[in-house]
C-alpha atoms as a PDB file:
ATOM      1  CA  MET A   1       4.040  -9.206  -4.436  1.00  0.00           C
ATOM      2  CA  LYS A   2       4.868  -6.471  -1.836  1.00  0.00           C
ATOM      3  CA  ALA A   3       2.555  -5.008   0.927  1.00  0.00           C
ATOM      4  CA  GLY A   4       2.739  -1.611   2.270  1.00  0.00           C
ATOM      5  CA  ILE A   5       1.146   1.298   4.156  1.00  0.00           C
ATOM      6  CA  ILE A   6       1.212   4.331   2.206  1.00  0.00           C
ATOM      7  CA  PHE A   7       0.420   7.795   4.247  1.00  0.00           C
ATOM      8  CA  THR A   8      -1.249   9.924   2.070  1.00  0.00           C
ATOM      9  CA  GLY A   9      -2.904  13.521   3.066  1.00  0.00           C
ATOM     10  CA  THR A  10      -6.005  11.703   3.729  1.00  0.00           C
ATOM     11  CA  GLY A  11      -4.701   9.231   5.993  1.00  0.00           C
ATOM     12  CA  PRO A  12      -3.007   5.524   5.515  1.00  0.00           C
ATOM     13  CA  ILE A  13      -3.864   2.682   3.101  1.00  0.00           C
ATOM     14  CA  LEU A  14      -2.690  -0.291   3.018  1.00  0.00           C
ATOM     15  CA  ILE A  15      -1.680  -1.754  -0.523  1.00  0.00           C
ATOM     16  CA  LEU A  16      -0.449  -4.886  -2.338  1.00  0.00           C
ATOM     17  CA  THR A  17       1.590  -4.396  -5.503  1.00  0.00           C
ATOM     18  CA  SER A  18       3.814  -6.403  -7.895  1.00  0.00           C
ATOM     19  CA  HIS A  19       6.291  -3.540  -8.417  1.00  0.00           C
ATOM     20  CA  ASP A  20       9.410  -4.135  -7.243  1.00  0.00           C
ATOM     21  CA  SER A  21       9.863  -1.517  -5.272  1.00  0.00           C
ATOM     22  CA  PHE A  22       7.763   1.952  -4.044  1.00  0.00           C
ATOM     23  CA  THR A  23       9.620   3.808  -5.743  1.00  0.00           C
ATOM     24  CA  ASP A  24       9.094   2.269  -8.984  1.00  0.00           C
ATOM     25  CA  GLU A  25       7.684   4.876 -11.791  1.00  0.00           C
ATOM     26  CA  LYS A  26       4.797   2.595 -12.797  1.00  0.00           C
ATOM     27  CA  PHE A  27       3.914   2.364  -9.195  1.00  0.00           C
ATOM     28  CA  VAL A  28       4.242   6.243  -8.382  1.00  0.00           C
ATOM     29  CA  GLU A  29       2.270   6.546 -11.797  1.00  0.00           C
ATOM     30  CA  LYS A  30      -0.729   3.956 -10.536  1.00  0.00           C
ATOM     31  CA  LEU A  31      -1.193   6.146  -7.247  1.00  0.00           C
ATOM     32  CA  LYS A  32      -0.782   9.279  -9.229  1.00  0.00           C
ATOM     33  CA  ALA A  33      -3.664   8.356 -11.116  1.00  0.00           C
ATOM     34  CA  ARG A  34      -5.738   7.487  -8.142  1.00  0.00           C
ATOM     35  CA  GLY A  35      -5.091  11.007  -6.940  1.00  0.00           C
ATOM     36  CA  ILE A  36      -1.730  10.187  -4.705  1.00  0.00           C
ATOM     37  CA  LYS A  37       0.925  12.573  -5.850  1.00  0.00           C
ATOM     38  CA  LYS A  38       2.673  12.687  -2.471  1.00  0.00           C
ATOM     39  CA  PHE A  39       3.098   9.915   0.153  1.00  0.00           C
ATOM     40  CA  ILE A  40       5.265   7.835   2.500  1.00  0.00           C
ATOM     41  CA  ALA A  41       5.472   4.416   2.197  1.00  0.00           C
ATOM     42  CA  HIS A  42       6.519   1.432   4.496  1.00  0.00           C
ATOM     43  CA  GLU A  43       6.832  -2.209   3.222  1.00  0.00           C
ATOM     44  CA  VAL A  44       4.954  -4.334   5.874  1.00  0.00           C
ATOM     45  CA  PRO A  45       5.501  -8.311   6.056  1.00  0.00           C
ATOM     46  CA  LEU A  46       2.851 -10.080   3.561  1.00  0.00           C
ATOM     47  CA  GLU A  47       2.472 -13.301   5.641  1.00  0.00           C
ATOM     48  CA  LYS A  48       1.184 -10.798   8.422  1.00  0.00           C
ATOM     49  CA  VAL A  49      -1.166  -8.979   5.890  1.00  0.00           C
ATOM     50  CA  LYS A  50      -2.140 -12.693   4.926  1.00  0.00           C
ATOM     51  CA  LYS A  51      -2.773 -13.651   8.610  1.00  0.00           C
ATOM     52  CA  GLU A  52      -4.422 -10.430   9.940  1.00  0.00           C
ATOM     53  CA  TYR A  53      -6.874 -10.088   6.798  1.00  0.00           C
ATOM     54  CA  GLY A  54      -7.506 -13.915   6.189  1.00  0.00           C
ATOM     55  CA  THR A  55     -10.275 -14.530   3.617  1.00  0.00           C
ATOM     56  CA  HIS A  56     -10.318 -10.642   2.796  1.00  0.00           C
ATOM     57  CA  TYR A  57      -6.609 -11.169   1.440  1.00  0.00           C
ATOM     58  CA  ALA A  58      -7.900 -13.888  -0.935  1.00  0.00           C
ATOM     59  CA  VAL A  59     -11.104 -11.768  -2.091  1.00  0.00           C
ATOM     60  CA  VAL A  60      -9.192  -8.637  -2.776  1.00  0.00           C
ATOM     61  CA  MET A  61      -6.495 -11.076  -4.691  1.00  0.00           C
ATOM     62  CA  GLY A  62      -9.188 -12.397  -6.818  1.00  0.00           C
ATOM     63  CA  ASP A  63     -11.173  -9.224  -7.458  1.00  0.00           C
ATOM     64  CA  LEU A  64     -11.251  -8.962 -11.138  1.00  0.00           C
ATOM     65  CA  ARG A  65     -11.882  -5.192 -11.119  1.00  0.00           C
ATOM     66  CA  GLU A  66      -8.652  -4.225  -9.700  1.00  0.00           C
ATOM     67  CA  THR A  67      -5.324  -4.078 -11.826  1.00  0.00           C
ATOM     68  CA  ASP A  68      -2.756  -7.017 -10.893  1.00  0.00           C
ATOM     69  CA  ASP A  69      -0.024  -4.542 -10.480  1.00  0.00           C
ATOM     70  CA  LEU A  70      -1.629  -2.476  -7.345  1.00  0.00           C
ATOM     71  CA  ARG A  71      -4.848  -3.422  -4.984  1.00  0.00           C
ATOM     72  CA  VAL A  72      -6.027  -1.259  -1.981  1.00  0.00           C
ATOM     73  CA  MET A  73      -6.730  -3.881   0.953  1.00  0.00           C
ATOM     74  CA  ASP A  74      -7.672  -1.736   3.082  1.00  0.00           C
ATOM     75  CA  TYR A  75      -8.377   1.967   3.675  1.00  0.00           C
ATOM     76  CA  ASP A  76      -9.695   2.320   7.168  1.00  0.00           C
ATOM     77  CA  GLY A  77      -6.386   3.920   9.136  1.00  0.00           C
ATOM     78  CA  HIS A  78      -7.701   3.233  12.447  1.00  0.00           C
ATOM     79  CA  HIS A  79      -7.881  -0.640  11.521  1.00  0.00           C
ATOM     80  CA  ILE A  80      -4.596  -0.248   9.722  1.00  0.00           C
ATOM     81  CA  PHE A  81      -2.918   1.124  12.702  1.00  0.00           C
ATOM     82  CA  LEU A  82      -4.345  -1.817  15.011  1.00  0.00           C
ATOM     83  CA  ALA A  83      -3.461  -4.408  12.812  1.00  0.00           C
ATOM     84  CA  PHE A  84       0.418  -3.406  12.190  1.00  0.00           C
ATOM     85  CA  SER A  85       2.865  -2.546  14.678  1.00  0.00           C
ATOM     86  CA  PHE A  86       6.176   0.407  13.901  1.00  0.00           C
ATOM     87  CA  SER A  87       7.876  -2.317  14.216  1.00  0.00           C
ATOM     88  CA  ASP A  88       6.241  -4.305  11.197  1.00  0.00           C
ATOM     89  CA  MET A  89       6.949  -1.225   9.437  1.00  0.00           C
ATOM     90  CA  GLY A  90      10.168  -1.083   6.843  1.00  0.00           C
ATOM     91  CA  GLU A  91      12.156   2.051   6.665  1.00  0.00           C
ATOM     92  CA  PRO A  92      10.179   5.111   5.178  1.00  0.00           C
ATOM     93  CA  ILE A  93       9.970   6.242   1.245  1.00  0.00           C
ATOM     94  CA  ARG A  94       8.960   9.483   0.727  1.00  0.00           C
ATOM     95  CA  ILE A  95       7.828  10.558  -2.753  1.00  0.00           C
ATOM     96  CA  GLU A  96       6.708  14.262  -3.432  1.00  0.00           C
ATOM     97  CA  PRO A  97       5.979  16.130  -6.747  1.00  0.00           C
ATOM     98  CA  SER A  98       9.100  17.721  -8.270  1.00  0.00           C
ATOM     99  CA  ALA A  99       8.688  21.560  -7.835  1.00  0.00           C
ATOM    100  CA  GLY A 100       9.424  22.091 -11.431  1.00  0.00           C
END
């Protein structure tokens, strides 16, 4: 499982995914299906997510309405920015639709 902050046009969201990479075509398609076609992703430590979100992490992981390969952990950008420092974030991964 990976955790990442995804910066979108409407602000950051914190996601959990079982995909190997934020560039994985199936991962990108999942976000596109949710209306996110262009984004910047930063991986964050999963252990920090577990510690910060505690019981909410367990609830999100057990939510049967979500798919196993992409779960939204938090969509409150203010909370996400308070929970993670820039030093927690991995290198940026930029995805945008091709201009063709």
